[in-house]
Amino acid sequence: STKVMDPGKLERTPSTSEVPDSGRTAQTSVSNEEQEKEAVGGTRSAEDRLLDMLADMMSHRGMREILDEQCAMLQDAEIAKEKVLNLNLISEMKYREMAADLQQATHMMSDMKKNLESVFRRIRSMKTKLASQYPEAYAKGHEKCQVKLDDDDEFDEDDIT
């Protein structure tokens, strides 16, 4: 029977397919000694018997090919894992850069909004001051501006000057 400890060091007894058929079946590939143990105390577990039967079905070369293929897949998986880790690191760095840029742009937009609000507040106060100091001139200018805005339906910078 085959004891599987290290895949590279398989101890193997010939299976029924490798030994000339002398009336033995797959179940008789277990040695007489082991059969006696099973009959007396049943010391071999079902798992051991199954492993022995499976190992007898596989050739050493076939087992080696399977192990080599598994090693190649493991190496591919490790390479893929390393690539994903590198991608995550790069993504994290880019995210931090973009977050800092976004925060800076947001701060700048907030400052611009405050500045525009200040400009419009000054314009409103200037309008109020002009309306109180020069009510007739302000009313004429306001009417003229309203007529132009109604005609154009759009705001042009040329209308202001």
N, C-alpha and C. Protein backbone atom coordinates (compact mmCIF):
# COMPACT_ATOMS: atom_id res chain seq x y z
N SER A 1 0.83 -1.19 0.00
CA SER A 1 0.00 0.00 0.00
C SER A 1 0.87 1.24 0.00
N THR A 2 0.29 2.39 -0.26
CA THR A 2 1.03 3.64 -0.36
C THR A 2 0.75 4.47 0.88
N LYS A 3 1.82 4.94 1.52
CA LYS A 3 1.69 5.88 2.63
C LYS A 3 2.04 7.25 2.09
N VAL A 4 1.12 8.19 2.11
CA VAL A 4 1.35 9.51 1.56
C VAL A 4 1.77 10.43 2.69
N MET A 5 3.08 10.74 2.71
CA MET A 5 3.59 11.68 3.70
C MET A 5 4.09 12.92 2.97
N ASP A 6 4.98 12.70 2.05
CA ASP A 6 5.55 13.78 1.27
C ASP A 6 5.31 13.43 -0.19
N PRO A 7 4.68 14.30 -0.96
CA PRO A 7 4.36 13.96 -2.33
C PRO A 7 5.59 13.58 -3.16
N GLY A 8 6.75 14.09 -2.80
CA GLY A 8 7.96 13.77 -3.54
C GLY A 8 8.53 12.41 -3.19
N LYS A 9 8.13 11.87 -2.07
CA LYS A 9 8.69 10.60 -1.60
C LYS A 9 7.58 9.59 -1.38
N LEU A 10 6.96 9.17 -2.43
CA LEU A 10 5.90 8.19 -2.32
C LEU A 10 6.48 6.80 -2.23
N GLU A 11 6.10 6.07 -1.20
CA GLU A 11 6.45 4.66 -1.11
C GLU A 11 5.30 3.91 -1.75
N ARG A 12 5.60 3.02 -2.64
CA ARG A 12 4.52 2.44 -3.40
C ARG A 12 4.74 0.96 -3.58
N THR A 13 3.65 0.24 -3.47
CA THR A 13 3.70 -1.18 -3.82
C THR A 13 2.98 -1.33 -5.13
N PRO A 14 3.30 -2.30 -5.90
CA PRO A 14 2.66 -2.43 -7.21
C PRO A 14 1.16 -2.62 -7.05
N SER A 15 0.42 -2.00 -7.95
CA SER A 15 -1.03 -2.15 -7.92
C SER A 15 -1.41 -3.36 -8.74
N THR A 16 -2.66 -3.66 -8.72
CA THR A 16 -3.13 -4.84 -9.45
C THR A 16 -2.95 -4.67 -10.94
N SER A 17 -2.96 -3.40 -11.43
CA SER A 17 -2.80 -3.21 -12.87
C SER A 17 -1.35 -3.38 -13.30
N GLU A 18 -0.40 -3.28 -12.37
CA GLU A 18 1.01 -3.42 -12.72
C GLU A 18 1.52 -4.83 -12.52
N VAL A 19 0.86 -5.61 -11.73
CA VAL A 19 1.27 -6.98 -11.46
C VAL A 19 0.47 -7.88 -12.38
N PRO A 20 1.11 -8.89 -12.95
CA PRO A 20 0.35 -9.79 -13.80
C PRO A 20 -0.83 -10.34 -13.03
N ASP A 21 -1.95 -10.44 -13.71
CA ASP A 21 -3.19 -10.86 -13.07
C ASP A 21 -3.07 -12.30 -12.61
N SER A 22 -3.12 -12.46 -11.33
CA SER A 22 -3.05 -13.80 -10.76
C SER A 22 -4.31 -14.06 -9.95
N GLY A 23 -5.44 -13.51 -10.45
CA GLY A 23 -6.69 -13.74 -9.76
C GLY A 23 -6.94 -12.77 -8.63
N ARG A 24 -6.10 -11.76 -8.50
CA ARG A 24 -6.28 -10.78 -7.43
C ARG A 24 -7.25 -9.70 -7.88
N THR A 25 -8.03 -9.18 -6.95
CA THR A 25 -8.92 -8.07 -7.24
C THR A 25 -8.35 -6.82 -6.59
N ALA A 26 -9.01 -5.68 -6.81
CA ALA A 26 -8.52 -4.42 -6.24
C ALA A 26 -8.54 -4.48 -4.73
N GLN A 27 -9.44 -5.21 -4.17
CA GLN A 27 -9.53 -5.28 -2.72
C GLN A 27 -8.42 -6.14 -2.13
N THR A 28 -7.87 -7.02 -2.90
CA THR A 28 -6.82 -7.89 -2.36
C THR A 28 -5.45 -7.26 -2.51
N SER A 29 -5.37 -5.99 -2.95
CA SER A 29 -4.06 -5.34 -3.05
C SER A 29 -3.52 -5.02 -1.66
N VAL A 30 -4.36 -5.03 -0.67
CA VAL A 30 -3.91 -4.84 0.70
C VAL A 30 -3.21 -6.13 1.12
N SER A 31 -2.09 -5.99 1.81
CA SER A 31 -1.28 -7.17 2.15
C SER A 31 -2.03 -8.11 3.08
N ASN A 32 -1.60 -9.34 3.11
CA ASN A 32 -2.23 -10.34 3.97
C ASN A 32 -2.13 -9.95 5.42
N GLU A 33 -1.01 -9.36 5.76
CA GLU A 33 -0.79 -8.94 7.14
C GLU A 33 -1.85 -7.92 7.57
N GLU A 34 -2.12 -6.94 6.66
CA GLU A 34 -3.10 -5.91 6.96
C GLU A 34 -4.50 -6.51 7.02
N GLN A 35 -4.74 -7.51 6.16
CA GLN A 35 -6.05 -8.15 6.18
C GLN A 35 -6.29 -8.86 7.51
N GLU A 36 -5.24 -9.46 8.03
CA GLU A 36 -5.37 -10.14 9.31
C GLU A 36 -5.66 -9.14 10.43
N LYS A 37 -4.96 -7.98 10.38
CA LYS A 37 -5.21 -6.93 11.38
C LYS A 37 -6.65 -6.47 11.33
N GLU A 38 -7.15 -6.27 10.09
CA GLU A 38 -8.52 -5.80 9.94
C GLU A 38 -9.50 -6.83 10.50
N ALA A 39 -9.20 -8.08 10.24
CA ALA A 39 -10.10 -9.13 10.70
C ALA A 39 -10.10 -9.22 12.21
N VAL A 40 -8.91 -9.07 12.82
CA VAL A 40 -8.81 -9.21 14.26
C VAL A 40 -9.38 -7.99 14.97
N GLY A 41 -8.79 -6.82 14.70
CA GLY A 41 -9.20 -5.66 15.50
C GLY A 41 -9.76 -4.52 14.67
N GLY A 42 -9.67 -4.61 13.37
CA GLY A 42 -10.14 -3.52 12.52
C GLY A 42 -9.36 -2.23 12.77
N THR A 43 -8.02 -2.32 12.87
CA THR A 43 -7.21 -1.16 13.23
C THR A 43 -7.06 -0.18 12.07
N ARG A 44 -7.24 -0.61 10.84
CA ARG A 44 -7.12 0.32 9.70
C ARG A 44 -8.44 1.05 9.50
N SER A 45 -8.35 2.32 9.33
CA SER A 45 -9.56 3.11 9.14
C SER A 45 -10.00 3.06 7.68
N ALA A 46 -11.21 3.45 7.46
CA ALA A 46 -11.75 3.46 6.10
C ALA A 46 -10.99 4.47 5.25
N GLU A 47 -10.55 5.58 5.87
CA GLU A 47 -9.79 6.58 5.14
C GLU A 47 -8.48 6.02 4.64
N ASP A 48 -7.79 5.26 5.51
CA ASP A 48 -6.52 4.65 5.10
C ASP A 48 -6.72 3.69 3.94
N ARG A 49 -7.76 2.91 4.01
CA ARG A 49 -8.02 1.95 2.93
C ARG A 49 -8.35 2.69 1.63
N LEU A 50 -9.14 3.76 1.74
CA LEU A 50 -9.48 4.54 0.55
C LEU A 50 -8.24 5.17 -0.04
N LEU A 51 -7.38 5.75 0.80
CA LEU A 51 -6.13 6.36 0.32
C LEU A 51 -5.27 5.32 -0.37
N ASP A 52 -5.18 4.14 0.21
CA ASP A 52 -4.37 3.08 -0.39
C ASP A 52 -4.93 2.70 -1.75
N MET A 53 -6.23 2.57 -1.84
CA MET A 53 -6.83 2.19 -3.12
C MET A 53 -6.62 3.27 -4.17
N LEU A 54 -6.78 4.54 -3.78
CA LEU A 54 -6.58 5.64 -4.72
C LEU A 54 -5.12 5.72 -5.15
N ALA A 55 -4.20 5.54 -4.21
CA ALA A 55 -2.77 5.60 -4.55
C ALA A 55 -2.40 4.45 -5.48
N ASP A 56 -3.01 3.31 -5.32
CA ASP A 56 -2.74 2.19 -6.21
C ASP A 56 -3.23 2.48 -7.62
N MET A 57 -4.27 3.27 -7.74
CA MET A 57 -4.81 3.59 -9.06
C MET A 57 -3.94 4.60 -9.79
N MET A 58 -3.23 5.45 -9.08
CA MET A 58 -2.41 6.50 -9.69
C MET A 58 -0.97 6.06 -9.82
N SER A 59 -0.39 6.35 -10.94
CA SER A 59 1.03 6.06 -11.09
C SER A 59 1.83 7.19 -10.47
N HIS A 60 3.08 6.90 -10.16
CA HIS A 60 3.94 7.92 -9.56
C HIS A 60 4.11 9.09 -10.52
N ARG A 61 4.25 8.79 -11.80
CA ARG A 61 4.43 9.83 -12.80
C ARG A 61 3.17 10.71 -12.89
N GLY A 62 2.01 10.10 -12.86
CA GLY A 62 0.76 10.85 -12.90
C GLY A 62 0.61 11.74 -11.69
N MET A 63 0.98 11.22 -10.53
CA MET A 63 0.92 12.00 -9.29
C MET A 63 1.88 13.19 -9.38
N ARG A 64 3.08 12.94 -9.90
CA ARG A 64 4.08 14.01 -10.04
C ARG A 64 3.56 15.09 -10.99
N GLU A 65 2.91 14.71 -12.07
CA GLU A 65 2.36 15.68 -13.02
C GLU A 65 1.28 16.54 -12.34
N ILE A 66 0.43 15.91 -11.56
CA ILE A 66 -0.61 16.65 -10.85
C ILE A 66 0.02 17.63 -9.87
N LEU A 67 1.03 17.18 -9.13
CA LEU A 67 1.70 18.07 -8.16
C LEU A 67 2.42 19.21 -8.87
N ASP A 68 3.06 18.93 -10.00
CA ASP A 68 3.73 19.98 -10.76
C ASP A 68 2.73 21.01 -11.26
N GLU A 69 1.59 20.51 -11.74
CA GLU A 69 0.55 21.42 -12.22
C GLU A 69 0.00 22.27 -11.08
N GLN A 70 -0.18 21.67 -9.92
CA GLN A 70 -0.65 22.43 -8.76
C GLN A 70 0.37 23.48 -8.34
N CYS A 71 1.65 23.15 -8.40
CA CYS A 71 2.70 24.12 -8.05
C CYS A 71 2.68 25.28 -9.03
N ALA A 72 2.51 24.97 -10.32
CA ALA A 72 2.46 26.04 -11.33
C ALA A 72 1.25 26.94 -11.08
N MET A 73 0.10 26.35 -10.75
CA MET A 73 -1.08 27.16 -10.47
C MET A 73 -0.88 28.00 -9.21
N LEU A 74 -0.21 27.44 -8.21
CA LEU A 74 0.07 28.19 -6.98
C LEU A 74 0.97 29.38 -7.28
N GLN A 75 1.99 29.18 -8.11
CA GLN A 75 2.88 30.28 -8.47
C GLN A 75 2.11 31.36 -9.23
N ASP A 76 1.24 30.93 -10.16
CA ASP A 76 0.43 31.90 -10.90
C ASP A 76 -0.48 32.68 -9.95
N ALA A 77 -1.06 31.99 -8.99
CA ALA A 77 -1.93 32.66 -8.02
C ALA A 77 -1.14 33.64 -7.16
N GLU A 78 0.08 33.28 -6.77
CA GLU A 78 0.91 34.18 -5.97
C GLU A 78 1.31 35.41 -6.77
N ILE A 79 1.63 35.21 -8.06
CA ILE A 79 1.97 36.35 -8.92
C ILE A 79 0.76 37.27 -9.07
N ALA A 80 -0.42 36.67 -9.29
CA ALA A 80 -1.63 37.48 -9.42
C ALA A 80 -1.91 38.24 -8.12
N LYS A 81 -1.71 37.58 -6.98
CA LYS A 81 -1.92 38.23 -5.69
C LYS A 81 -0.97 39.42 -5.53
N GLU A 82 0.28 39.23 -5.92
CA GLU A 82 1.26 40.31 -5.82
C GLU A 82 0.87 41.48 -6.71
N LYS A 83 0.38 41.17 -7.91
CA LYS A 83 -0.05 42.24 -8.82
C LYS A 83 -1.23 43.00 -8.24
N VAL A 84 -2.17 42.28 -7.64
CA VAL A 84 -3.34 42.93 -7.04
C VAL A 84 -2.90 43.80 -5.86
N LEU A 85 -1.97 43.32 -5.06
CA LEU A 85 -1.47 44.12 -3.93
C LEU A 85 -0.80 45.39 -4.44
N ASN A 86 0.02 45.27 -5.50
CA ASN A 86 0.66 46.45 -6.08
C ASN A 86 -0.39 47.43 -6.62
N LEU A 87 -1.41 46.90 -7.28
CA LEU A 87 -2.48 47.75 -7.80
C LEU A 87 -3.18 48.47 -6.65
N ASN A 88 -3.43 47.76 -5.56
CA ASN A 88 -4.07 48.39 -4.40
C ASN A 88 -3.20 49.51 -3.82
N LEU A 89 -1.89 49.28 -3.76
CA LEU A 89 -1.00 50.32 -3.24
C LEU A 89 -1.01 51.54 -4.14
N ILE A 90 -0.93 51.32 -5.45
CA ILE A 90 -0.96 52.44 -6.39
C ILE A 90 -2.29 53.17 -6.30
N SER A 91 -3.38 52.42 -6.22
CA SER A 91 -4.70 53.02 -6.11
C SER A 91 -4.82 53.86 -4.84
N GLU A 92 -4.28 53.34 -3.75
CA GLU A 92 -4.34 54.08 -2.48
C GLU A 92 -3.56 55.39 -2.59
N MET A 93 -2.37 55.34 -3.20
CA MET A 93 -1.58 56.56 -3.36
C MET A 93 -2.33 57.58 -4.23
N LYS A 94 -2.89 57.11 -5.35
CA LYS A 94 -3.61 58.02 -6.25
C LYS A 94 -4.86 58.58 -5.56
N TYR A 95 -5.53 57.74 -4.79
CA TYR A 95 -6.71 58.20 -4.06
C TYR A 95 -6.33 59.32 -3.09
N ARG A 96 -5.23 59.14 -2.36
CA ARG A 96 -4.80 60.18 -1.41
C ARG A 96 -4.46 61.47 -2.14
N GLU A 97 -3.77 61.35 -3.29
CA GLU A 97 -3.43 62.54 -4.07
C GLU A 97 -4.70 63.25 -4.54
N MET A 98 -5.65 62.46 -5.08
CA MET A 98 -6.88 63.05 -5.60
C MET A 98 -7.73 63.64 -4.47
N ALA A 99 -7.73 62.99 -3.32
CA ALA A 99 -8.48 63.52 -2.18
C ALA A 99 -7.90 64.86 -1.74
N ALA A 100 -6.58 64.96 -1.73
CA ALA A 100 -5.93 66.23 -1.37
C ALA A 100 -6.26 67.30 -2.40
N ASP A 101 -6.21 66.93 -3.69
CA ASP A 101 -6.55 67.89 -4.75
C ASP A 101 -8.00 68.34 -4.63
N LEU A 102 -8.89 67.40 -4.36
CA LEU A 102 -10.31 67.73 -4.22
C LEU A 102 -10.53 68.66 -3.03
N GLN A 103 -9.86 68.37 -1.94
CA GLN A 103 -10.00 69.22 -0.76
C GLN A 103 -9.49 70.64 -1.06
N GLN A 104 -8.39 70.72 -1.78
CA GLN A 104 -7.84 72.02 -2.14
C GLN A 104 -8.80 72.77 -3.07
N ALA A 105 -9.35 72.07 -4.07
CA ALA A 105 -10.29 72.69 -5.00
C ALA A 105 -11.56 73.13 -4.28
N THR A 106 -12.04 72.32 -3.36
CA THR A 106 -13.23 72.67 -2.58
C THR A 106 -12.99 73.92 -1.75
N HIS A 107 -11.82 73.99 -1.12
CA HIS A 107 -11.47 75.17 -0.32
C HIS A 107 -11.40 76.41 -1.21
N MET A 108 -10.80 76.26 -2.39
CA MET A 108 -10.68 77.38 -3.31
C MET A 108 -12.07 77.85 -3.77
N MET A 109 -12.96 76.89 -4.08
CA MET A 109 -14.32 77.25 -4.50
C MET A 109 -15.07 77.95 -3.38
N SER A 110 -14.88 77.50 -2.16
CA SER A 110 -15.51 78.14 -1.01
C SER A 110 -15.03 79.58 -0.86
N ASP A 111 -13.72 79.77 -1.02
CA ASP A 111 -13.17 81.13 -0.94
C ASP A 111 -13.72 82.00 -2.06
N MET A 112 -13.84 81.44 -3.26
CA MET A 112 -14.38 82.20 -4.39
C MET A 112 -15.83 82.60 -4.13
N LYS A 113 -16.60 81.68 -3.55
CA LYS A 113 -18.00 81.99 -3.24
C LYS A 113 -18.08 83.14 -2.24
N LYS A 114 -17.23 83.07 -1.21
CA LYS A 114 -17.22 84.15 -0.21
C LYS A 114 -16.86 85.48 -0.87
N ASN A 115 -15.86 85.45 -1.76
CA ASN A 115 -15.46 86.68 -2.44
C ASN A 115 -16.58 87.23 -3.32
N LEU A 116 -17.27 86.34 -4.06
CA LEU A 116 -18.38 86.79 -4.90
C LEU A 116 -19.52 87.36 -4.05
N GLU A 117 -19.82 86.71 -2.95
CA GLU A 117 -20.86 87.23 -2.06
C GLU A 117 -20.49 88.61 -1.55
N SER A 118 -19.22 88.81 -1.25
CA SER A 118 -18.75 90.11 -0.78
C SER A 118 -18.90 91.16 -1.89
N VAL A 119 -18.55 90.79 -3.12
CA VAL A 119 -18.66 91.72 -4.25
C VAL A 119 -20.13 92.10 -4.46
N PHE A 120 -21.04 91.11 -4.47
CA PHE A 120 -22.45 91.42 -4.68
C PHE A 120 -23.02 92.24 -3.52
N ARG A 121 -22.57 92.00 -2.32
CA ARG A 121 -23.02 92.79 -1.17
C ARG A 121 -22.57 94.25 -1.35
N ARG A 122 -21.35 94.46 -1.81
CA ARG A 122 -20.85 95.82 -2.04
C ARG A 122 -21.65 96.50 -3.15
N ILE A 123 -21.95 95.76 -4.21
CA ILE A 123 -22.72 96.33 -5.32
C ILE A 123 -24.11 96.74 -4.81
N ARG A 124 -24.75 95.88 -4.03
CA ARG A 124 -26.08 96.22 -3.49
C ARG A 124 -26.01 97.46 -2.60
N SER A 125 -24.98 97.54 -1.77
CA SER A 125 -24.86 98.71 -0.90
C SER A 125 -24.59 99.97 -1.72
N MET A 126 -23.82 99.83 -2.79
CA MET A 126 -23.56 101.00 -3.67
C MET A 126 -24.85 101.43 -4.37
N LYS A 127 -25.66 100.45 -4.80
CA LYS A 127 -26.93 100.77 -5.44
C LYS A 127 -27.85 101.50 -4.46
N THR A 128 -27.91 101.00 -3.25
CA THR A 128 -28.76 101.63 -2.23
C THR A 128 -28.28 103.06 -1.95
N LYS A 129 -26.98 103.22 -1.85
CA LYS A 129 -26.41 104.53 -1.58
C LYS A 129 -26.69 105.50 -2.73
N LEU A 130 -26.52 105.02 -3.98
CA LEU A 130 -26.79 105.86 -5.15
C LEU A 130 -28.28 106.19 -5.24
N ALA A 131 -29.14 105.20 -4.93
CA ALA A 131 -30.58 105.44 -4.99
C ALA A 131 -31.01 106.48 -3.96
N SER A 132 -30.37 106.50 -2.82
CA SER A 132 -30.74 107.48 -1.80
C SER A 132 -30.13 108.87 -2.09
N GLN A 133 -28.93 108.92 -2.66
CA GLN A 133 -28.27 110.21 -2.94
C GLN A 133 -28.80 110.84 -4.22
N TYR A 134 -29.02 110.03 -5.26
CA TYR A 134 -29.46 110.53 -6.56
C TYR A 134 -30.68 109.74 -7.02
N PRO A 135 -31.83 109.97 -6.41
CA PRO A 135 -33.01 109.16 -6.73
C PRO A 135 -33.49 109.31 -8.17
N GLU A 136 -33.46 110.52 -8.74
CA GLU A 136 -33.95 110.72 -10.11
C GLU A 136 -33.04 110.05 -11.12
N ALA A 137 -31.75 110.26 -11.00
CA ALA A 137 -30.78 109.67 -11.94
C ALA A 137 -30.79 108.15 -11.81
N TYR A 138 -30.93 107.70 -10.61
CA TYR A 138 -30.92 106.23 -10.40
C TYR A 138 -32.16 105.60 -11.03
N ALA A 139 -33.33 106.26 -10.89
CA ALA A 139 -34.57 105.74 -11.46
C ALA A 139 -34.48 105.69 -12.99
N LYS A 140 -33.93 106.74 -13.63
CA LYS A 140 -33.78 106.74 -15.08
C LYS A 140 -32.83 105.63 -15.53
N GLY A 141 -31.73 105.51 -14.84
CA GLY A 141 -30.75 104.46 -15.19
C GLY A 141 -31.32 103.06 -14.99
N HIS A 142 -32.08 102.90 -13.94
CA HIS A 142 -32.69 101.61 -13.65
C HIS A 142 -33.72 101.24 -14.73
N GLU A 143 -34.56 102.24 -15.16
CA GLU A 143 -35.54 102.00 -16.23
C GLU A 143 -34.84 101.63 -17.52
N LYS A 144 -33.81 102.35 -17.86
CA LYS A 144 -33.07 102.09 -19.11
C LYS A 144 -32.47 100.69 -19.10
N CYS A 145 -31.95 100.30 -17.98
CA CYS A 145 -31.34 98.97 -17.82
C CYS A 145 -32.41 97.89 -17.93
N GLN A 146 -33.59 98.10 -17.34
CA GLN A 146 -34.67 97.11 -17.38
C GLN A 146 -35.17 96.93 -18.81
N VAL A 147 -35.31 98.03 -19.56
CA VAL A 147 -35.79 97.95 -20.94
C VAL A 147 -34.80 97.15 -21.78
N LYS A 148 -33.53 97.42 -21.63
CA LYS A 148 -32.52 96.68 -22.40
C LYS A 148 -32.54 95.20 -22.04
N LEU A 149 -32.68 94.88 -20.78
CA LEU A 149 -32.72 93.47 -20.36
C LEU A 149 -33.95 92.78 -20.91
N ASP A 150 -35.10 93.47 -20.94
CA ASP A 150 -36.32 92.87 -21.48
C ASP A 150 -36.19 92.63 -22.97
N ASP A 151 -35.53 93.54 -23.70
CA ASP A 151 -35.36 93.39 -25.15
C ASP A 151 -34.42 92.23 -25.49
N ASP A 152 -33.34 92.11 -24.77
CA ASP A 152 -32.32 91.11 -25.11
C ASP A 152 -32.63 89.73 -24.54
N ASP A 153 -33.33 89.65 -23.48
CA ASP A 153 -33.60 88.39 -22.77
C ASP A 153 -32.34 87.64 -22.38
N GLU A 154 -31.23 88.25 -22.59
CA GLU A 154 -29.97 87.66 -22.15
C GLU A 154 -29.11 88.77 -21.59
N PHE A 155 -28.17 88.38 -20.79
CA PHE A 155 -27.29 89.34 -20.17
C PHE A 155 -26.01 89.42 -20.98
N ASP A 156 -25.66 90.60 -21.45
CA ASP A 156 -24.40 90.81 -22.15
C ASP A 156 -23.56 91.78 -21.36
N GLU A 157 -22.27 91.56 -21.41
CA GLU A 157 -21.38 92.46 -20.68
C GLU A 157 -21.38 93.85 -21.28
N ASP A 158 -21.68 93.96 -22.58
CA ASP A 158 -21.69 95.26 -23.25
C ASP A 158 -22.79 96.17 -22.71
N ASP A 159 -23.88 95.58 -22.19
CA ASP A 159 -25.00 96.37 -21.66
C ASP A 159 -24.62 97.09 -20.40
N ILE A 160 -23.65 96.61 -19.68
CA ILE A 160 -23.27 97.22 -18.41
C ILE A 160 -22.50 98.50 -18.64
N THR A 161 -21.68 98.59 -19.64
CA THR A 161 -20.82 99.77 -19.84
C THR A 161 -21.52 100.94 -20.42
